[in-house]
N, C-alpha and C. Protein backbone atom coordinates (compact mmCIF):
# COMPACT_ATOMS: atom_id res chain seq x y z
N MET A 1 91.44 93.69 74.95
CA MET A 1 91.65 94.70 75.99
C MET A 1 91.06 94.20 77.30
N LYS A 2 91.77 94.45 78.36
CA LYS A 2 91.29 93.99 79.65
C LYS A 2 90.01 94.71 80.02
N ASN A 3 89.15 94.03 80.80
CA ASN A 3 87.95 94.69 81.31
C ASN A 3 88.36 95.92 82.09
N TYR A 4 87.62 97.01 81.87
CA TYR A 4 87.99 98.30 82.46
C TYR A 4 87.79 98.35 83.96
N ILE A 5 88.64 99.05 84.62
CA ILE A 5 88.60 99.21 86.05
C ILE A 5 88.48 100.66 86.39
N ILE A 6 87.84 101.00 87.44
CA ILE A 6 87.75 102.39 87.82
C ILE A 6 88.75 102.69 88.87
N VAL A 7 89.63 103.36 88.62
CA VAL A 7 90.87 103.56 89.35
C VAL A 7 91.46 102.34 89.77
N LEU A 8 90.79 101.21 89.62
CA LEU A 8 91.77 100.42 90.25
C LEU A 8 91.57 98.93 90.13
N LEU A 9 90.44 98.38 90.01
CA LEU A 9 90.27 96.96 89.89
C LEU A 9 89.03 96.66 89.10
N ALA A 10 88.94 95.42 88.58
CA ALA A 10 87.78 95.08 87.80
C ALA A 10 86.84 94.25 88.64
N LEU A 11 85.61 94.70 88.73
CA LEU A 11 84.58 93.96 89.45
C LEU A 11 83.35 93.91 88.57
N ILE A 12 82.52 92.88 88.75
CA ILE A 12 81.30 92.76 87.97
C ILE A 12 80.12 92.95 88.89
N SER A 13 79.13 93.74 88.44
CA SER A 13 77.95 94.13 89.20
C SER A 13 78.36 94.91 90.42
N TYR A 14 77.48 94.95 91.44
CA TYR A 14 77.76 95.75 92.63
C TYR A 14 78.52 94.91 93.64
N SER A 15 79.63 95.42 94.10
CA SER A 15 80.44 94.68 95.06
C SER A 15 81.26 95.63 95.89
N VAL A 16 81.83 95.10 96.98
CA VAL A 16 82.62 95.89 97.90
C VAL A 16 83.95 95.19 98.10
N SER A 17 85.03 95.94 98.08
CA SER A 17 86.35 95.37 98.30
C SER A 17 87.12 96.19 99.30
N ALA A 18 87.69 95.52 100.29
CA ALA A 18 88.55 96.21 101.25
C ALA A 18 89.94 95.61 101.24
N GLN A 19 90.23 94.73 100.28
CA GLN A 19 91.50 94.03 100.25
C GLN A 19 92.46 94.61 99.23
N ASN A 20 92.00 95.43 98.32
CA ASN A 20 92.84 95.96 97.28
C ASN A 20 93.31 97.36 97.62
N VAL A 21 94.54 97.65 97.22
CA VAL A 21 95.13 98.95 97.48
C VAL A 21 95.67 99.53 96.18
N ALA A 22 96.03 100.81 96.22
CA ALA A 22 96.64 101.46 95.08
C ALA A 22 97.72 102.40 95.57
N ARG A 23 98.73 102.59 94.75
CA ARG A 23 99.79 103.56 95.01
C ARG A 23 99.82 104.53 93.84
N VAL A 24 99.73 105.81 94.15
CA VAL A 24 99.64 106.85 93.13
C VAL A 24 100.90 107.69 93.15
N TYR A 25 101.55 107.82 92.00
CA TYR A 25 102.76 108.63 91.87
C TYR A 25 102.51 109.72 90.83
N ASN A 26 102.40 110.96 91.30
CA ASN A 26 102.09 112.08 90.43
C ASN A 26 103.31 112.54 89.66
N GLN A 27 103.08 112.99 88.42
CA GLN A 27 104.16 113.42 87.54
C GLN A 27 103.81 114.76 86.89
N ASN A 28 104.84 115.54 86.62
CA ASN A 28 104.69 116.77 85.87
C ASN A 28 105.52 116.64 84.59
N VAL A 29 104.88 116.18 83.53
CA VAL A 29 105.58 115.90 82.27
C VAL A 29 105.89 117.21 81.55
N GLU A 30 107.12 117.34 81.08
CA GLU A 30 107.52 118.53 80.36
C GLU A 30 106.73 118.66 79.06
N ARG A 31 106.49 119.90 78.67
CA ARG A 31 105.72 120.16 77.46
C ARG A 31 106.36 119.47 76.25
N GLY A 32 105.53 118.76 75.49
CA GLY A 32 106.00 118.07 74.30
C GLY A 32 106.59 116.70 74.54
N LYS A 33 106.64 116.26 75.81
CA LYS A 33 107.26 114.97 76.13
C LYS A 33 106.26 113.88 76.50
N ALA A 34 104.96 114.17 76.40
CA ALA A 34 103.95 113.19 76.83
C ALA A 34 104.05 111.89 76.03
N GLY A 35 104.27 112.00 74.73
CA GLY A 35 104.39 110.80 73.91
C GLY A 35 105.57 109.93 74.32
N ASP A 36 106.67 110.57 74.68
CA ASP A 36 107.84 109.82 75.14
C ASP A 36 107.55 109.09 76.45
N VAL A 37 106.78 109.73 77.33
CA VAL A 37 106.43 109.09 78.60
C VAL A 37 105.54 107.88 78.36
N VAL A 38 104.59 107.99 77.44
CA VAL A 38 103.71 106.86 77.11
C VAL A 38 104.53 105.69 76.58
N ASN A 39 105.45 105.96 75.67
CA ASN A 39 106.29 104.89 75.12
C ASN A 39 107.15 104.24 76.20
N LEU A 40 107.72 105.06 77.07
CA LEU A 40 108.53 104.53 78.16
C LEU A 40 107.70 103.66 79.08
N PHE A 41 106.51 104.13 79.42
CA PHE A 41 105.60 103.39 80.29
C PHE A 41 105.23 102.05 79.66
N ASN A 42 104.83 102.07 78.40
CA ASN A 42 104.39 100.84 77.72
C ASN A 42 105.52 99.82 77.63
N ASN A 43 106.71 100.28 77.30
CA ASN A 43 107.84 99.36 77.15
C ASN A 43 108.23 98.71 78.47
N PHE A 44 108.04 99.42 79.58
CA PHE A 44 108.49 98.89 80.87
C PHE A 44 107.43 98.05 81.57
N PHE A 45 106.17 98.45 81.46
CA PHE A 45 105.13 97.83 82.28
C PHE A 45 104.27 96.80 81.56
N ASP A 46 104.52 96.54 80.30
CA ASP A 46 103.72 95.56 79.55
C ASP A 46 104.18 94.15 79.90
N VAL A 47 103.80 93.72 81.12
CA VAL A 47 104.15 92.38 81.62
C VAL A 47 102.94 91.82 82.35
N GLU A 48 103.03 90.57 82.76
CA GLU A 48 101.95 89.93 83.51
C GLU A 48 102.10 90.23 85.00
N TYR A 49 100.97 90.50 85.67
CA TYR A 49 101.00 90.85 87.09
C TYR A 49 100.31 89.77 87.93
N LYS A 50 100.79 89.62 89.17
CA LYS A 50 100.22 88.64 90.08
C LYS A 50 98.77 88.97 90.40
N SER A 51 98.49 90.24 90.58
CA SER A 51 97.12 90.74 90.78
C SER A 51 97.11 92.19 90.33
N GLY A 52 95.92 92.68 89.95
CA GLY A 52 95.82 94.09 89.56
C GLY A 52 96.69 94.41 88.37
N GLY A 53 97.37 95.56 88.44
CA GLY A 53 98.19 95.99 87.33
C GLY A 53 98.66 97.42 87.55
N VAL A 54 98.81 98.16 86.45
CA VAL A 54 99.33 99.52 86.53
C VAL A 54 98.68 100.34 85.42
N MET A 55 98.42 101.61 85.71
CA MET A 55 97.82 102.52 84.75
C MET A 55 98.63 103.80 84.64
N LEU A 56 98.68 104.37 83.46
CA LEU A 56 99.16 105.73 83.24
C LEU A 56 97.94 106.59 82.94
N GLN A 57 97.74 107.63 83.74
CA GLN A 57 96.59 108.51 83.58
C GLN A 57 97.06 109.93 83.34
N SER A 58 96.39 110.64 82.44
CA SER A 58 96.60 112.08 82.34
C SER A 58 95.69 112.76 83.35
N VAL A 59 96.11 113.94 83.83
CA VAL A 59 95.39 114.65 84.89
C VAL A 59 95.10 116.07 84.44
N SER A 60 93.86 116.52 84.66
CA SER A 60 93.46 117.90 84.35
C SER A 60 92.93 118.57 85.60
N PHE A 61 93.13 119.88 85.68
CA PHE A 61 92.61 120.71 86.77
C PHE A 61 93.33 120.47 88.09
N ARG A 62 94.61 120.08 88.02
CA ARG A 62 95.46 120.04 89.21
C ARG A 62 96.77 120.73 88.88
N ASN A 63 97.15 121.69 89.69
CA ASN A 63 98.36 122.45 89.43
C ASN A 63 99.60 121.57 89.49
N ASP A 64 100.47 121.71 88.50
CA ASP A 64 101.78 121.04 88.47
C ASP A 64 101.69 119.52 88.42
N ILE A 65 100.54 118.99 88.05
CA ILE A 65 100.40 117.54 87.84
C ILE A 65 99.75 117.33 86.47
N THR A 66 100.47 116.69 85.57
CA THR A 66 99.93 116.40 84.24
C THR A 66 99.55 114.94 84.06
N HIS A 67 100.22 114.07 84.80
CA HIS A 67 100.00 112.62 84.69
C HIS A 67 100.19 111.98 86.06
N ARG A 68 99.75 110.73 86.17
CA ARG A 68 100.06 109.95 87.36
C ARG A 68 100.14 108.48 86.99
N ILE A 69 101.00 107.77 87.69
CA ILE A 69 101.14 106.33 87.54
C ILE A 69 100.46 105.68 88.73
N VAL A 70 99.54 104.76 88.46
CA VAL A 70 98.74 104.12 89.51
C VAL A 70 98.99 102.62 89.49
N PHE A 71 99.59 102.10 90.55
CA PHE A 71 99.73 100.66 90.75
C PHE A 71 98.57 100.20 91.62
N TYR A 72 97.97 99.06 91.30
CA TYR A 72 96.83 98.59 92.09
C TYR A 72 96.82 97.07 92.15
N GLY A 73 96.22 96.54 93.21
CA GLY A 73 96.12 95.09 93.34
C GLY A 73 96.02 94.65 94.79
N ASP A 74 96.16 93.36 95.00
CA ASP A 74 96.11 92.74 96.32
C ASP A 74 97.48 92.89 96.97
N PRO A 75 97.57 93.55 98.13
CA PRO A 75 98.89 93.76 98.75
C PRO A 75 99.58 92.47 99.17
N SER A 76 98.82 91.38 99.32
CA SER A 76 99.44 90.10 99.67
C SER A 76 99.92 89.33 98.44
N ASN A 77 99.62 89.86 97.25
CA ASN A 77 100.01 89.19 96.01
C ASN A 77 100.34 90.27 94.98
N TRP A 78 101.40 91.01 95.24
CA TRP A 78 101.69 92.28 94.58
C TRP A 78 102.83 92.14 93.57
N GLY A 79 102.74 92.91 92.49
CA GLY A 79 103.87 93.05 91.59
C GLY A 79 103.81 92.15 90.38
N PRO A 80 104.81 92.25 89.50
CA PRO A 80 104.85 91.42 88.29
C PRO A 80 105.15 89.97 88.61
N VAL A 81 104.70 89.09 87.74
CA VAL A 81 104.95 87.65 87.93
C VAL A 81 106.44 87.36 87.88
N GLU A 82 107.13 87.99 86.95
CA GLU A 82 108.59 87.81 86.83
C GLU A 82 109.29 89.09 87.26
N ASP A 83 110.27 88.97 88.13
CA ASP A 83 111.01 90.13 88.61
C ASP A 83 111.80 90.77 87.47
N LYS A 84 111.91 92.09 87.54
CA LYS A 84 112.73 92.81 86.58
C LYS A 84 114.21 92.56 86.87
N PRO A 85 115.06 92.66 85.85
CA PRO A 85 116.51 92.51 86.09
C PRO A 85 117.03 93.59 87.03
N ASP A 86 118.14 93.31 87.70
CA ASP A 86 118.76 94.30 88.57
C ASP A 86 119.05 95.58 87.79
N GLY A 87 118.69 96.69 88.38
CA GLY A 87 118.96 97.98 87.76
C GLY A 87 117.88 98.46 86.81
N ALA A 88 116.91 97.60 86.47
CA ALA A 88 115.89 98.00 85.50
C ALA A 88 115.01 99.13 86.04
N TRP A 89 114.63 99.02 87.32
CA TRP A 89 113.77 100.05 87.91
C TRP A 89 114.49 101.39 87.98
N ASP A 90 115.75 101.39 88.40
CA ASP A 90 116.52 102.63 88.47
C ASP A 90 116.69 103.24 87.09
N ASN A 91 116.89 102.40 86.09
CA ASN A 91 117.02 102.90 84.72
C ASN A 91 115.72 103.52 84.24
N PHE A 92 114.60 102.87 84.57
CA PHE A 92 113.29 103.43 84.20
C PHE A 92 113.09 104.79 84.86
N LEU A 93 113.37 104.88 86.16
CA LEU A 93 113.18 106.14 86.86
C LEU A 93 114.07 107.23 86.29
N GLY A 94 115.30 106.88 85.94
CA GLY A 94 116.20 107.87 85.34
C GLY A 94 115.64 108.43 84.05
N GLN A 95 115.09 107.57 83.21
CA GLN A 95 114.49 108.03 81.96
C GLN A 95 113.23 108.85 82.22
N LEU A 96 112.42 108.41 83.20
CA LEU A 96 111.19 109.14 83.52
C LEU A 96 111.51 110.53 84.05
N TYR A 97 112.49 110.62 84.95
CA TYR A 97 112.83 111.92 85.54
C TYR A 97 113.40 112.88 84.50
N SER A 98 113.99 112.34 83.43
CA SER A 98 114.50 113.22 82.37
C SER A 98 113.37 113.83 81.55
N LEU A 99 112.15 113.30 81.70
CA LEU A 99 110.99 113.79 80.95
C LEU A 99 110.01 114.53 81.84
N THR A 100 110.24 114.55 83.14
CA THR A 100 109.29 115.12 84.09
C THR A 100 110.02 116.04 85.06
N TYR A 101 109.54 117.29 85.16
CA TYR A 101 110.17 118.24 86.10
C TYR A 101 109.33 119.50 86.21
N PRO A 102 109.20 120.07 87.43
CA PRO A 102 109.52 119.43 88.71
C PRO A 102 108.39 118.49 89.12
N ASN A 103 108.70 117.39 89.75
CA ASN A 103 107.68 116.44 90.15
C ASN A 103 107.11 116.79 91.52
N PRO A 104 105.78 116.78 91.67
CA PRO A 104 105.17 117.06 92.97
C PRO A 104 105.45 115.93 93.96
N GLN A 105 105.31 116.24 95.23
CA GLN A 105 105.63 115.26 96.27
C GLN A 105 104.39 114.68 96.94
N ASP A 106 103.20 114.97 96.43
CA ASP A 106 101.98 114.49 97.10
C ASP A 106 101.52 113.15 96.53
N ASN A 107 102.42 112.17 96.53
CA ASN A 107 102.04 110.82 96.15
C ASN A 107 101.18 110.22 97.26
N ALA A 108 100.48 109.12 96.96
CA ALA A 108 99.49 108.63 97.93
C ALA A 108 99.40 107.11 97.92
N LEU A 109 99.01 106.58 99.08
CA LEU A 109 98.67 105.17 99.25
C LEU A 109 97.19 105.09 99.55
N LEU A 110 96.45 104.26 98.81
CA LEU A 110 95.00 104.22 98.88
C LEU A 110 94.49 102.81 99.18
N SER A 111 93.30 102.75 99.79
CA SER A 111 92.56 101.50 99.91
C SER A 111 91.20 101.67 99.25
N ILE A 112 90.75 100.66 98.50
CA ILE A 112 89.44 100.71 97.86
C ILE A 112 88.42 100.19 98.86
N LEU A 113 87.54 101.06 99.33
CA LEU A 113 86.54 100.68 100.32
C LEU A 113 85.29 100.11 99.68
N SER A 114 84.82 100.74 98.61
CA SER A 114 83.60 100.32 97.91
C SER A 114 83.80 100.51 96.43
N TRP A 115 83.23 99.59 95.66
CA TRP A 115 83.41 99.65 94.21
C TRP A 115 82.18 99.11 93.51
N SER A 116 81.69 99.81 92.53
CA SER A 116 80.58 99.33 91.72
C SER A 116 80.97 99.45 90.26
N SER A 117 80.84 98.35 89.52
CA SER A 117 81.25 98.34 88.13
C SER A 117 80.27 97.56 87.30
N GLY A 118 79.93 98.08 86.13
CA GLY A 118 79.03 97.39 85.23
C GLY A 118 79.76 96.42 84.32
N ASP A 119 79.03 95.85 83.38
CA ASP A 119 79.61 94.85 82.48
C ASP A 119 80.37 95.47 81.31
N ASP A 120 79.98 96.67 80.88
CA ASP A 120 80.55 97.28 79.69
C ASP A 120 81.35 98.50 80.11
N ASN A 121 82.65 98.30 80.34
CA ASN A 121 83.45 99.36 80.94
C ASN A 121 84.50 99.95 80.02
N GLU A 122 84.82 99.32 78.92
CA GLU A 122 85.99 99.69 78.15
C GLU A 122 85.91 101.09 77.56
N GLU A 123 84.72 101.61 77.33
CA GLU A 123 84.62 102.95 76.76
C GLU A 123 84.64 104.04 77.82
N TYR A 124 84.61 103.68 79.09
CA TYR A 124 84.55 104.67 80.17
C TYR A 124 85.95 104.92 80.72
N ASN A 125 86.72 105.73 80.01
CA ASN A 125 88.12 105.97 80.36
C ASN A 125 88.37 107.32 81.01
N THR A 126 87.33 108.13 81.18
CA THR A 126 87.45 109.42 81.83
C THR A 126 86.87 109.34 83.23
N GLY A 127 87.56 109.87 84.20
CA GLY A 127 87.09 109.82 85.58
C GLY A 127 87.11 111.19 86.23
N LYS A 128 86.12 111.44 87.08
CA LYS A 128 86.08 112.66 87.90
C LYS A 128 86.30 112.25 89.35
N ILE A 129 87.24 112.92 90.00
CA ILE A 129 87.61 112.58 91.37
C ILE A 129 87.29 113.76 92.29
N TRP A 130 86.61 113.45 93.39
CA TRP A 130 86.34 114.43 94.44
C TRP A 130 87.17 114.03 95.65
N ASP A 131 88.16 114.83 96.03
CA ASP A 131 88.89 114.60 97.27
C ASP A 131 88.10 115.24 98.41
N ILE A 132 87.86 114.47 99.47
CA ILE A 132 86.98 114.92 100.54
C ILE A 132 87.59 114.62 101.91
N LYS A 133 87.09 115.33 102.91
CA LYS A 133 87.45 115.07 104.31
C LYS A 133 86.20 114.61 105.03
N VAL A 134 86.23 113.39 105.54
CA VAL A 134 85.06 112.73 106.11
C VAL A 134 85.18 112.68 107.63
N ASP A 135 84.12 113.12 108.32
CA ASP A 135 84.12 113.08 109.79
C ASP A 135 83.83 111.68 110.34
N ASN A 136 82.91 110.96 109.69
CA ASN A 136 82.51 109.64 110.18
C ASN A 136 82.62 108.62 109.03
N PRO A 137 83.77 107.95 108.90
CA PRO A 137 83.97 107.03 107.78
C PRO A 137 82.93 105.92 107.69
N ALA A 138 82.48 105.39 108.83
CA ALA A 138 81.50 104.30 108.81
C ALA A 138 80.18 104.76 108.23
N LYS A 139 79.71 105.94 108.65
CA LYS A 139 78.47 106.49 108.10
C LYS A 139 78.61 106.77 106.61
N MET A 140 79.75 107.33 106.23
CA MET A 140 79.98 107.67 104.84
C MET A 140 79.94 106.42 103.96
N LYS A 141 80.61 105.37 104.37
CA LYS A 141 80.64 104.15 103.57
C LYS A 141 79.26 103.53 103.45
N ALA A 142 78.52 103.47 104.57
CA ALA A 142 77.18 102.88 104.53
C ALA A 142 76.26 103.67 103.61
N ALA A 143 76.31 105.00 103.70
CA ALA A 143 75.46 105.84 102.86
C ALA A 143 75.87 105.73 101.39
N PHE A 144 77.17 105.68 101.12
CA PHE A 144 77.66 105.56 99.75
C PHE A 144 77.24 104.23 99.14
N ASP A 145 77.39 103.15 99.89
CA ASP A 145 76.99 101.83 99.38
C ASP A 145 75.50 101.79 99.04
N GLU A 146 74.68 102.38 99.91
CA GLU A 146 73.24 102.40 99.67
C GLU A 146 72.90 103.23 98.44
N LEU A 147 73.52 104.40 98.32
CA LEU A 147 73.27 105.25 97.16
C LEU A 147 73.66 104.56 95.86
N THR A 148 74.81 103.93 95.86
CA THR A 148 75.30 103.27 94.65
C THR A 148 74.41 102.10 94.26
N GLU A 149 74.01 101.31 95.24
CA GLU A 149 73.18 100.14 94.96
C GLU A 149 71.84 100.55 94.37
N LYS A 150 71.29 101.66 94.84
CA LYS A 150 69.97 102.10 94.38
C LYS A 150 70.02 102.87 93.07
N ASN A 151 71.21 103.19 92.58
CA ASN A 151 71.33 103.99 91.37
C ASN A 151 72.00 103.25 90.23
N GLN A 152 71.93 101.93 90.23
CA GLN A 152 72.55 101.16 89.17
C GLN A 152 71.94 101.46 87.80
N ASP A 153 70.64 101.73 87.75
CA ASP A 153 70.01 102.06 86.47
C ASP A 153 70.56 103.36 85.91
N ILE A 154 70.77 104.35 86.78
CA ILE A 154 71.33 105.63 86.33
C ILE A 154 72.78 105.46 85.90
N LEU A 155 73.55 104.73 86.66
CA LEU A 155 74.97 104.53 86.34
C LEU A 155 75.14 103.81 85.00
N ASP A 156 74.26 102.86 84.71
CA ASP A 156 74.23 102.20 83.40
C ASP A 156 75.62 101.69 82.98
N GLY A 157 76.26 100.95 83.87
CA GLY A 157 77.55 100.36 83.54
C GLY A 157 78.75 101.21 83.90
N ARG A 158 78.53 102.45 84.33
CA ARG A 158 79.65 103.30 84.72
C ARG A 158 80.15 102.91 86.11
N SER A 159 81.43 103.01 86.30
CA SER A 159 82.03 102.64 87.57
C SER A 159 82.03 103.81 88.53
N VAL A 160 81.87 103.49 89.82
CA VAL A 160 81.94 104.50 90.87
C VAL A 160 82.58 103.85 92.09
N GLY A 161 83.41 104.60 92.80
CA GLY A 161 84.10 104.02 93.93
C GLY A 161 84.33 105.00 95.06
N LEU A 162 84.46 104.45 96.25
CA LEU A 162 84.84 105.21 97.44
C LEU A 162 86.22 104.74 97.86
N ILE A 163 87.15 105.67 97.93
CA ILE A 163 88.55 105.37 98.19
C ILE A 163 88.97 106.02 99.51
N GLN A 164 89.81 105.33 100.25
CA GLN A 164 90.36 105.87 101.49
C GLN A 164 91.85 106.17 101.30
N TYR A 165 92.28 107.37 101.72
CA TYR A 165 93.70 107.70 101.72
C TYR A 165 94.35 107.13 102.98
N ASP A 166 95.25 106.18 102.82
CA ASP A 166 95.98 105.62 103.95
C ASP A 166 97.23 106.45 104.25
N ALA A 167 97.75 107.14 103.25
CA ALA A 167 98.89 108.04 103.42
C ALA A 167 98.90 109.01 102.24
N GLY A 168 99.28 110.25 102.52
CA GLY A 168 99.47 111.22 101.45
C GLY A 168 98.21 111.83 100.88
N GLY A 169 97.12 111.87 101.63
CA GLY A 169 95.91 112.50 101.14
C GLY A 169 96.13 113.98 100.86
N PRO A 170 95.90 114.46 99.63
CA PRO A 170 96.18 115.86 99.31
C PRO A 170 95.29 116.82 100.08
N ASP A 171 95.89 117.90 100.58
CA ASP A 171 95.15 118.96 101.28
C ASP A 171 94.37 118.43 102.48
N GLY A 172 94.86 117.37 103.10
CA GLY A 172 94.18 116.82 104.27
C GLY A 172 93.02 115.91 103.96
N ALA A 173 92.86 115.50 102.70
CA ALA A 173 91.76 114.60 102.33
C ALA A 173 91.91 113.25 103.02
N THR A 174 90.79 112.71 103.48
CA THR A 174 90.77 111.37 104.07
C THR A 174 90.25 110.33 103.08
N HIS A 175 89.43 110.76 102.14
CA HIS A 175 88.79 109.87 101.18
C HIS A 175 88.68 110.56 99.83
N SER A 176 88.29 109.80 98.84
CA SER A 176 87.90 110.37 97.55
C SER A 176 86.78 109.53 96.95
N ILE A 177 86.00 110.18 96.11
CA ILE A 177 84.95 109.52 95.33
C ILE A 177 85.35 109.64 93.87
N ILE A 178 85.17 108.58 93.11
CA ILE A 178 85.48 108.63 91.69
C ILE A 178 84.32 108.09 90.88
N LEU A 179 84.00 108.78 89.81
CA LEU A 179 82.95 108.37 88.87
C LEU A 179 83.53 108.38 87.47
N TYR A 180 83.37 107.28 86.76
CA TYR A 180 83.88 107.16 85.40
C TYR A 180 82.77 107.31 84.37
N GLY A 181 83.16 107.77 83.17
CA GLY A 181 82.23 107.91 82.07
C GLY A 181 82.96 108.00 80.74
N LYS A 182 82.21 108.32 79.69
CA LYS A 182 82.79 108.40 78.35
C LYS A 182 83.60 109.67 78.15
N SER A 183 83.20 110.75 78.85
CA SER A 183 83.81 112.06 78.68
C SER A 183 83.42 112.93 79.86
N MET A 184 83.98 114.13 79.93
CA MET A 184 83.60 115.05 81.00
C MET A 184 82.12 115.40 80.92
N ASN A 185 81.61 115.61 79.70
CA ASN A 185 80.19 115.92 79.54
C ASN A 185 79.31 114.76 79.99
N ASP A 186 79.71 113.55 79.64
CA ASP A 186 78.95 112.37 80.05
C ASP A 186 78.90 112.26 81.57
N ILE A 187 80.02 112.51 82.23
CA ILE A 187 80.05 112.46 83.69
C ILE A 187 79.18 113.54 84.30
N THR A 188 79.23 114.75 83.73
CA THR A 188 78.41 115.85 84.24
C THR A 188 76.93 115.52 84.17
N LEU A 189 76.50 114.94 83.06
CA LEU A 189 75.08 114.59 82.91
C LEU A 189 74.68 113.49 83.89
N LYS A 190 75.54 112.50 84.09
CA LYS A 190 75.23 111.44 85.04
C LYS A 190 75.21 111.97 86.47
N GLU A 191 76.13 112.88 86.76
CA GLU A 191 76.16 113.48 88.10
C GLU A 191 74.86 114.23 88.37
N ARG A 192 74.34 114.94 87.39
CA ARG A 192 73.07 115.66 87.56
C ARG A 192 71.92 114.69 87.80
N GLU A 193 71.92 113.57 87.07
CA GLU A 193 70.87 112.57 87.28
C GLU A 193 70.91 112.02 88.70
N ILE A 194 72.11 111.71 89.17
CA ILE A 194 72.25 111.15 90.52
C ILE A 194 71.80 112.15 91.57
N ARG A 195 72.21 113.41 91.41
CA ARG A 195 71.85 114.44 92.39
C ARG A 195 70.35 114.73 92.39
N SER A 196 69.69 114.47 91.27
CA SER A 196 68.25 114.73 91.17
C SER A 196 67.42 113.57 91.71
N ALA A 197 68.05 112.42 91.91
CA ALA A 197 67.31 111.25 92.39
C ALA A 197 66.96 111.39 93.86
N LYS A 198 65.86 110.77 94.25
CA LYS A 198 65.41 110.81 95.65
C LYS A 198 66.47 110.28 96.60
N GLN A 199 67.19 109.26 96.16
CA GLN A 199 68.17 108.62 97.04
C GLN A 199 69.31 109.55 97.42
N PHE A 200 69.56 110.60 96.61
CA PHE A 200 70.69 111.47 96.90
C PHE A 200 70.46 112.30 98.16
N SER A 201 69.24 112.79 98.34
CA SER A 201 68.95 113.55 99.56
C SER A 201 69.06 112.65 100.79
N GLU A 202 68.67 111.39 100.65
CA GLU A 202 68.82 110.44 101.75
C GLU A 202 70.30 110.20 102.05
N TYR A 203 71.09 110.10 101.00
CA TYR A 203 72.54 109.93 101.16
C TYR A 203 73.15 111.10 101.92
N LEU A 204 72.76 112.32 101.57
CA LEU A 204 73.30 113.50 102.24
C LEU A 204 72.96 113.50 103.73
N SER A 205 71.76 113.05 104.06
CA SER A 205 71.33 113.06 105.46
C SER A 205 71.98 111.96 106.29
N LYS A 206 72.47 110.91 105.62
CA LYS A 206 73.01 109.75 106.34
C LYS A 206 74.53 109.71 106.42
N ARG A 207 75.22 110.44 105.58
CA ARG A 207 76.67 110.26 105.46
C ARG A 207 77.48 110.99 106.52
N GLY A 208 76.87 111.91 107.26
CA GLY A 208 77.62 112.72 108.21
C GLY A 208 78.26 113.91 107.52
N ASN A 209 79.08 114.64 108.26
CA ASN A 209 79.71 115.84 107.71
C ASN A 209 80.83 115.48 106.74
N VAL A 210 80.78 116.08 105.55
CA VAL A 210 81.80 115.84 104.52
C VAL A 210 82.22 117.19 103.95
N GLU A 211 83.53 117.43 103.91
CA GLU A 211 84.07 118.66 103.34
C GLU A 211 84.72 118.34 101.99
N TYR A 212 84.28 119.05 100.93
CA TYR A 212 84.86 118.86 99.61
C TYR A 212 86.10 119.74 99.47
N LEU A 213 87.23 119.13 99.12
CA LEU A 213 88.51 119.84 99.09
C LEU A 213 89.00 120.14 97.69
N LYS A 214 88.86 119.19 96.78
CA LYS A 214 89.43 119.36 95.44
C LYS A 214 88.72 118.43 94.48
N THR A 215 88.53 118.92 93.24
CA THR A 215 87.91 118.12 92.19
C THR A 215 88.79 118.19 90.95
N TYR A 216 89.02 117.06 90.31
CA TYR A 216 89.86 117.06 89.11
C TYR A 216 89.46 115.88 88.21
N ILE A 217 90.03 115.87 87.02
CA ILE A 217 89.68 114.89 85.98
C ILE A 217 90.91 114.06 85.63
N ILE A 218 90.70 112.76 85.44
CA ILE A 218 91.77 111.90 84.94
C ILE A 218 91.27 111.16 83.69
N ASN A 219 92.20 110.80 82.83
CA ASN A 219 91.91 109.97 81.66
C ASN A 219 92.93 108.84 81.61
N ILE A 220 92.45 107.64 81.39
CA ILE A 220 93.37 106.50 81.28
C ILE A 220 94.04 106.53 79.91
N VAL A 221 95.35 106.67 79.91
CA VAL A 221 96.14 106.72 78.68
C VAL A 221 96.59 105.32 78.28
N SER A 222 97.02 104.53 79.27
CA SER A 222 97.50 103.17 79.02
C SER A 222 97.36 102.36 80.29
N ARG A 223 97.13 101.06 80.16
CA ARG A 223 97.02 100.21 81.35
C ARG A 223 97.40 98.76 81.01
N PHE A 224 97.96 98.10 81.99
CA PHE A 224 98.36 96.69 81.85
C PHE A 224 97.96 95.92 83.11
């Protein structure tokens, strides 16, 4: 199994990336058709990629969105190594649309601003996402990087990232924060530890004004 990525790329130890992007396509899978969508996804996307890859995630606590497909990687080296045959993409979409209805229109283009990932990631397949509106992106990134670097012991291998919406931010969101863990309970406990740490109050004072817009949960169902 590939080393786990938190929404989007695999990194070791604490690092920052501004070169990788992601494209998110939200889906509303019809009741009882989730297994068919997984099979369709696996059959189509199980190929080698030039960089990054693709994930199918289930989504909880968002109206009319049950799943999302996330493409991620280096925009200068994007896509599968071998091109699909003519008509393959249209055929895939036709099959997908027959299993999903109605599909929401709030798809998004993202840039990964900051990313921290530990060595043991494969068991951390649940993520909590906070969509936020940031007044001062530079302050927010600097404060986030400092908080993450100082809390590596608490994170204990869990991934955390700061994402920028380049297009399609839901409800006016400019950024999102994502934290991965073993389960929703595991994430809740880690979140409490982080908020209780001294560094968190410093983070709040340094990041500038931030408005929280929406919080939801994703689970990685399949990835290539």
